[in-house]
Amino acid sequence: MTRDTIMLGYVTIEPYGSTDQLLKSVAAALRLNGLRIAGALGHQGPVSSDGRHHMDLAILSTGEVIRISQDLGPAAKGCRLNIQELTRAAGQVAGDLGNKPDLLILNKFGKTEAEGGGFRAVIAEAILQDVPVLIAVGRGGAAEFATFAQGLETPLPSTVDAIVAWAKAAKD
């Protein structure tokens, strides 16, 4: 693999919650290997009034944690995603691409990305800048991700060693 090859590696989210830890371990291992990484990873926040954990993103360049969920109360049934905060997180990560990282890591390609928002433009910009992207994709969003990726995606085993090997090869 060379930098001339567009790299869009992904892992499948299963079971729920395990991918955040996998990607955190990958990020730590890549840093130990001297790779410069940018992106945002899921960070489990405290429990909100509806009994579910808040959704937070940790920005890899700064360590800042951005809450992307809203506490809508215990009776709420609607989407808790705070689009403004997700957009703010995506903007910070987009700015980090200017530092020419070796790899962009994002916690997931979800419904918002499938609909054209969230980190979708950041992923596209990274690919245009020849920055390999590592992302998690849920089974429910696999078809939308495949449509977005247009055949450029590479499925990866959900192991730290395999992903680190892929990332090291992708940066060369």
C-alpha atoms as a PDB file:
ATOM      1  CA  MET A   1       0.000   0.000   0.000  1.00  0.00           C
ATOM      2  CA  THR A   2       1.194   3.500  -0.716  1.00  0.00           C
ATOM      3  CA  ARG A   3      -0.011   7.014  -0.014  1.00  0.00           C
ATOM      4  CA  ASP A   4      -1.115   7.036  -3.664  1.00  0.00           C
ATOM      5  CA  THR A   5      -3.822   4.562  -2.679  1.00  0.00           C
ATOM      6  CA  ILE A   6      -6.912   6.119  -1.177  1.00  0.00           C
ATOM      7  CA  MET A   7      -7.412   4.505   2.194  1.00  0.00           C
ATOM      8  CA  LEU A   8     -10.745   4.291   3.970  1.00  0.00           C
ATOM      9  CA  GLY A   9     -10.463   1.521   6.540  1.00  0.00           C
ATOM     10  CA  TYR A  10     -13.384   0.539   8.699  1.00  0.00           C
ATOM     11  CA  VAL A  11     -14.298  -1.787  11.519  1.00  0.00           C
ATOM     12  CA  THR A  12     -17.788  -3.059  12.185  1.00  0.00           C
ATOM     13  CA  ILE A  13     -19.324  -2.032  15.480  1.00  0.00           C
ATOM     14  CA  GLU A  14     -20.081  -5.161  17.479  1.00  0.00           C
ATOM     15  CA  PRO A  15     -20.935  -5.552  20.290  1.00  0.00           C
ATOM     16  CA  TYR A  16     -22.226  -2.073  21.109  1.00  0.00           C
ATOM     17  CA  GLY A  17     -19.676   0.005  23.003  1.00  0.00           C
ATOM     18  CA  SER A  18     -16.687  -2.216  22.258  1.00  0.00           C
ATOM     19  CA  THR A  19     -15.532  -0.152  19.311  1.00  0.00           C
ATOM     20  CA  ASP A  20     -14.829   2.960  21.376  1.00  0.00           C
ATOM     21  CA  GLN A  21     -12.317   1.025  23.458  1.00  0.00           C
ATOM     22  CA  LEU A  22     -10.801  -0.625  20.373  1.00  0.00           C
ATOM     23  CA  LEU A  23     -10.271   2.723  18.647  1.00  0.00           C
ATOM     24  CA  LYS A  24      -8.816   4.273  21.819  1.00  0.00           C
ATOM     25  CA  SER A  25      -6.343   1.385  22.042  1.00  0.00           C
ATOM     26  CA  VAL A  26      -5.472   1.787  18.360  1.00  0.00           C
ATOM     27  CA  ALA A  27      -4.909   5.537  18.800  1.00  0.00           C
ATOM     28  CA  ALA A  28      -2.602   4.927  21.771  1.00  0.00           C
ATOM     29  CA  ALA A  29      -0.643   2.262  19.876  1.00  0.00           C
ATOM     30  CA  LEU A  30      -0.292   4.486  16.817  1.00  0.00           C
ATOM     31  CA  ARG A  31       1.018   7.354  18.913  1.00  0.00           C
ATOM     32  CA  LEU A  32       3.573   4.995  20.467  1.00  0.00           C
ATOM     33  CA  ASN A  33       4.622   4.132  16.904  1.00  0.00           C
ATOM     34  CA  GLY A  34       5.167   7.812  16.140  1.00  0.00           C
ATOM     35  CA  LEU A  35       2.133   8.391  13.937  1.00  0.00           C
ATOM     36  CA  ARG A  36       0.417  11.759  14.035  1.00  0.00           C
ATOM     37  CA  ILE A  37      -3.306  11.226  14.379  1.00  0.00           C
ATOM     38  CA  ALA A  38      -6.327  13.483  14.232  1.00  0.00           C
ATOM     39  CA  GLY A  39      -9.976  12.761  14.820  1.00  0.00           C
ATOM     40  CA  ALA A  40     -12.629  12.223  17.445  1.00  0.00           C
ATOM     41  CA  LEU A  41     -13.433   9.197  19.553  1.00  0.00           C
ATOM     42  CA  GLY A  42     -16.493   8.267  21.541  1.00  0.00           C
ATOM     43  CA  HIS A  43     -16.277   8.968  25.235  1.00  0.00           C
ATOM     44  CA  GLN A  44     -19.013   7.717  27.532  1.00  0.00           C
ATOM     45  CA  GLY A  45     -20.445  10.610  29.504  1.00  0.00           C
ATOM     46  CA  PRO A  46     -22.430  10.599  32.720  1.00  0.00           C
ATOM     47  CA  VAL A  47     -26.003   9.326  32.900  1.00  0.00           C
ATOM     48  CA  SER A  48     -28.632  11.846  31.846  1.00  0.00           C
ATOM     49  CA  SER A  49     -32.120  12.241  33.318  1.00  0.00           C
ATOM     50  CA  ASP A  50     -33.517   9.653  30.890  1.00  0.00           C
ATOM     51  CA  GLY A  51     -31.221   6.995  32.370  1.00  0.00           C
ATOM     52  CA  ARG A  52     -28.947   6.747  29.314  1.00  0.00           C
ATOM     53  CA  HIS A  53     -25.337   7.873  29.100  1.00  0.00           C
ATOM     54  CA  HIS A  54     -24.604  11.148  27.389  1.00  0.00           C
ATOM     55  CA  MET A  55     -22.795  10.880  24.064  1.00  0.00           C
ATOM     56  CA  ASP A  56     -19.452  12.660  24.162  1.00  0.00           C
ATOM     57  CA  LEU A  57     -16.616  12.950  21.661  1.00  0.00           C
ATOM     58  CA  ALA A  58     -12.977  13.382  22.671  1.00  0.00           C
ATOM     59  CA  ILE A  59     -11.020  15.437  20.138  1.00  0.00           C
ATOM     60  CA  LEU A  60      -7.693  13.644  19.628  1.00  0.00           C
ATOM     61  CA  SER A  61      -5.597  16.768  19.006  1.00  0.00           C
ATOM     62  CA  THR A  62      -6.621  18.585  22.173  1.00  0.00           C
ATOM     63  CA  GLY A  63      -8.273  16.058  24.469  1.00  0.00           C
ATOM     64  CA  GLU A  64     -11.321  18.323  24.685  1.00  0.00           C
ATOM     65  CA  VAL A  65     -14.530  16.399  25.317  1.00  0.00           C
ATOM     66  CA  ILE A  66     -17.582  17.709  23.483  1.00  0.00           C
ATOM     67  CA  ARG A  67     -21.029  16.570  24.583  1.00  0.00           C
ATOM     68  CA  ILE A  68     -23.008  15.784  21.431  1.00  0.00           C
ATOM     69  CA  SER A  69     -26.180  14.652  23.181  1.00  0.00           C
ATOM     70  CA  GLN A  70     -28.897  16.671  24.811  1.00  0.00           C
ATOM     71  CA  ASP A  71     -30.727  15.815  28.010  1.00  0.00           C
ATOM     72  CA  LEU A  72     -34.335  15.881  26.849  1.00  0.00           C
ATOM     73  CA  GLY A  73     -35.768  14.528  30.085  1.00  0.00           C
ATOM     74  CA  PRO A  74     -37.019  11.116  31.193  1.00  0.00           C
ATOM     75  CA  ALA A  75     -40.186  11.149  29.058  1.00  0.00           C
ATOM     76  CA  ALA A  76     -38.458  12.146  25.804  1.00  0.00           C
ATOM     77  CA  LYS A  77     -38.520   9.705  22.929  1.00  0.00           C
ATOM     78  CA  GLY A  78     -36.838  11.787  20.191  1.00  0.00           C
ATOM     79  CA  CYS A  79     -33.279  11.980  18.969  1.00  0.00           C
ATOM     80  CA  ARG A  80     -30.879  13.265  21.630  1.00  0.00           C
ATOM     81  CA  LEU A  81     -28.155  14.281  19.164  1.00  0.00           C
ATOM     82  CA  ASN A  82     -27.107  17.920  19.435  1.00  0.00           C
ATOM     83  CA  ILE A  83     -26.312  18.749  15.809  1.00  0.00           C
ATOM     84  CA  GLN A  84     -24.662  22.073  16.703  1.00  0.00           C
ATOM     85  CA  GLU A  85     -22.143  20.377  18.988  1.00  0.00           C
ATOM     86  CA  LEU A  86     -21.508  17.579  16.479  1.00  0.00           C
ATOM     87  CA  THR A  87     -20.871  20.255  13.865  1.00  0.00           C
ATOM     88  CA  ARG A  88     -18.486  22.036  16.251  1.00  0.00           C
ATOM     89  CA  ALA A  89     -16.566  18.783  16.821  1.00  0.00           C
ATOM     90  CA  ALA A  90     -16.393  18.150  13.071  1.00  0.00           C
ATOM     91  CA  GLY A  91     -15.106  21.699  12.536  1.00  0.00           C
ATOM     92  CA  GLN A  92     -12.306  21.193  15.046  1.00  0.00           C
ATOM     93  CA  VAL A  93     -11.266  17.929  13.422  1.00  0.00           C
ATOM     94  CA  ALA A  94     -11.441  19.514   9.956  1.00  0.00           C
ATOM     95  CA  GLY A  95      -9.049  22.202  11.190  1.00  0.00           C
ATOM     96  CA  ASP A  96      -6.659  19.500  12.399  1.00  0.00           C
ATOM     97  CA  LEU A  97      -6.292  18.219   8.835  1.00  0.00           C
ATOM     98  CA  GLY A  98      -4.179  21.311   8.210  1.00  0.00           C
ATOM     99  CA  ASN A  99      -1.515  19.760  10.443  1.00  0.00           C
ATOM    100  CA  LYS A 100      -1.127  16.919   7.921  1.00  0.00           C
ATOM    101  CA  PRO A 101      -1.796  13.953  10.209  1.00  0.00           C
ATOM    102  CA  ASP A 102      -0.751  10.443   9.231  1.00  0.00           C
ATOM    103  CA  LEU A 103      -4.250   9.144   9.981  1.00  0.00           C
ATOM    104  CA  LEU A 104      -7.752  10.382  10.759  1.00  0.00           C
ATOM    105  CA  ILE A 105      -9.714   8.278  13.269  1.00  0.00           C
ATOM    106  CA  LEU A 106     -13.441   8.794  13.764  1.00  0.00           C
ATOM    107  CA  ASN A 107     -15.744   6.996  16.155  1.00  0.00           C
ATOM    108  CA  LYS A 108     -18.406   6.140  13.592  1.00  0.00           C
ATOM    109  CA  PHE A 109     -20.139   6.704  10.308  1.00  0.00           C
ATOM    110  CA  GLY A 110     -23.690   7.066  11.546  1.00  0.00           C
ATOM    111  CA  LYS A 111     -27.092   8.285  10.465  1.00  0.00           C
ATOM    112  CA  THR A 112     -26.012  11.926  10.416  1.00  0.00           C
ATOM    113  CA  GLU A 113     -23.107  11.147   8.076  1.00  0.00           C
ATOM    114  CA  ALA A 114     -25.371   8.989   5.906  1.00  0.00           C
ATOM    115  CA  GLU A 115     -27.667  12.001   5.552  1.00  0.00           C
ATOM    116  CA  GLY A 116     -24.775  14.266   4.497  1.00  0.00           C
ATOM    117  CA  GLY A 117     -23.859  15.876   7.838  1.00  0.00           C
ATOM    118  CA  GLY A 118     -21.642  15.212  10.822  1.00  0.00           C
ATOM    119  CA  PHE A 119     -18.131  14.186   9.833  1.00  0.00           C
ATOM    120  CA  ARG A 120     -18.994  13.339   6.221  1.00  0.00           C
ATOM    121  CA  ALA A 121     -17.256  16.411   4.754  1.00  0.00           C
ATOM    122  CA  VAL A 122     -14.234  15.832   7.023  1.00  0.00           C
ATOM    123  CA  ILE A 123     -13.888  12.267   5.741  1.00  0.00           C
ATOM    124  CA  ALA A 124     -14.110  13.471   2.141  1.00  0.00           C
ATOM    125  CA  GLU A 125     -11.543  16.225   2.772  1.00  0.00           C
ATOM    126  CA  ALA A 126      -9.140  13.764   4.395  1.00  0.00           C
ATOM    127  CA  ILE A 127      -9.389  11.498   1.366  1.00  0.00           C
ATOM    128  CA  LEU A 128      -8.784  14.478  -0.940  1.00  0.00           C
ATOM    129  CA  GLN A 129      -5.691  15.346   1.132  1.00  0.00           C
ATOM    130  CA  ASP A 130      -4.488  11.728   0.938  1.00  0.00           C
ATOM    131  CA  VAL A 131      -4.922  11.184   4.690  1.00  0.00           C
ATOM    132  CA  PRO A 132      -6.024   7.608   5.449  1.00  0.00           C
ATOM    133  CA  VAL A 133      -9.242   7.358   7.461  1.00  0.00           C
ATOM    134  CA  LEU A 134     -10.163   4.770  10.077  1.00  0.00           C
ATOM    135  CA  ILE A 135     -13.816   4.683  11.070  1.00  0.00           C
ATOM    136  CA  ALA A 136     -16.336   2.407  12.744  1.00  0.00           C
ATOM    137  CA  VAL A 137     -19.520   1.477  10.898  1.00  0.00           C
ATOM    138  CA  GLY A 138     -22.591  -0.102  12.433  1.00  0.00           C
ATOM    139  CA  ARG A 139     -24.297  -2.994  10.662  1.00  0.00           C
ATOM    140  CA  GLY A 140     -27.416  -0.840  10.314  1.00  0.00           C
ATOM    141  CA  GLY A 141     -25.459   1.812   8.415  1.00  0.00           C
ATOM    142  CA  ALA A 142     -23.321  -0.480   6.272  1.00  0.00           C
ATOM    143  CA  ALA A 143     -25.305   0.108   3.083  1.00  0.00           C
ATOM    144  CA  GLU A 144     -25.190   3.896   3.461  1.00  0.00           C
ATOM    145  CA  PHE A 145     -21.464   3.751   4.194  1.00  0.00           C
ATOM    146  CA  ALA A 146     -20.842   1.612   1.103  1.00  0.00           C
ATOM    147  CA  THR A 147     -22.769   4.128  -1.002  1.00  0.00           C
ATOM    148  CA  PHE A 148     -20.667   6.966   0.407  1.00  0.00           C
ATOM    149  CA  ALA A 149     -17.362   5.093   0.071  1.00  0.00           C
ATOM    150  CA  GLN A 150     -18.017   4.075  -3.555  1.00  0.00           C
ATOM    151  CA  GLY A 151     -15.784   1.018  -3.351  1.00  0.00           C
ATOM    152  CA  LEU A 152     -12.859   2.801  -1.677  1.00  0.00           C
ATOM    153  CA  GLU A 153     -13.483   1.152   1.698  1.00  0.00           C
ATOM    154  CA  THR A 154     -11.361  -1.588   3.218  1.00  0.00           C
ATOM    155  CA  PRO A 155     -12.859  -3.798   5.958  1.00  0.00           C
ATOM    156  CA  LEU A 156     -10.440  -4.359   8.819  1.00  0.00           C
ATOM    157  CA  PRO A 157     -10.322  -7.032  11.514  1.00  0.00           C
ATOM    158  CA  SER A 158     -11.331  -5.666  14.903  1.00  0.00           C
ATOM    159  CA  THR A 159      -7.920  -6.185  16.509  1.00  0.00           C
ATOM    160  CA  VAL A 160      -5.426  -3.540  17.561  1.00  0.00           C
ATOM    161  CA  ASP A 161      -2.489  -5.301  15.865  1.00  0.00           C
ATOM    162  CA  ALA A 162      -4.270  -5.643  12.506  1.00  0.00           C
ATOM    163  CA  ILE A 163      -5.445  -2.031  12.497  1.00  0.00           C
ATOM    164  CA  VAL A 164      -2.041  -0.692  13.544  1.00  0.00           C
ATOM    165  CA  ALA A 165      -0.388  -2.701  10.744  1.00  0.00           C
ATOM    166  CA  TRP A 166      -2.927  -1.304   8.237  1.00  0.00           C
ATOM    167  CA  ALA A 167      -2.393   2.261   9.467  1.00  0.00           C
ATOM    168  CA  LYS A 168       1.406   2.002   9.329  1.00  0.00           C
ATOM    169  CA  ALA A 169       1.219   0.648   5.783  1.00  0.00           C
ATOM    170  CA  ALA A 170      -1.322   3.295   4.756  1.00  0.00           C
ATOM    171  CA  LYS A 171       0.915   6.185   5.834  1.00  0.00           C
ATOM    172  CA  ASP A 172       3.833   4.987   3.689  1.00  0.00           C
END
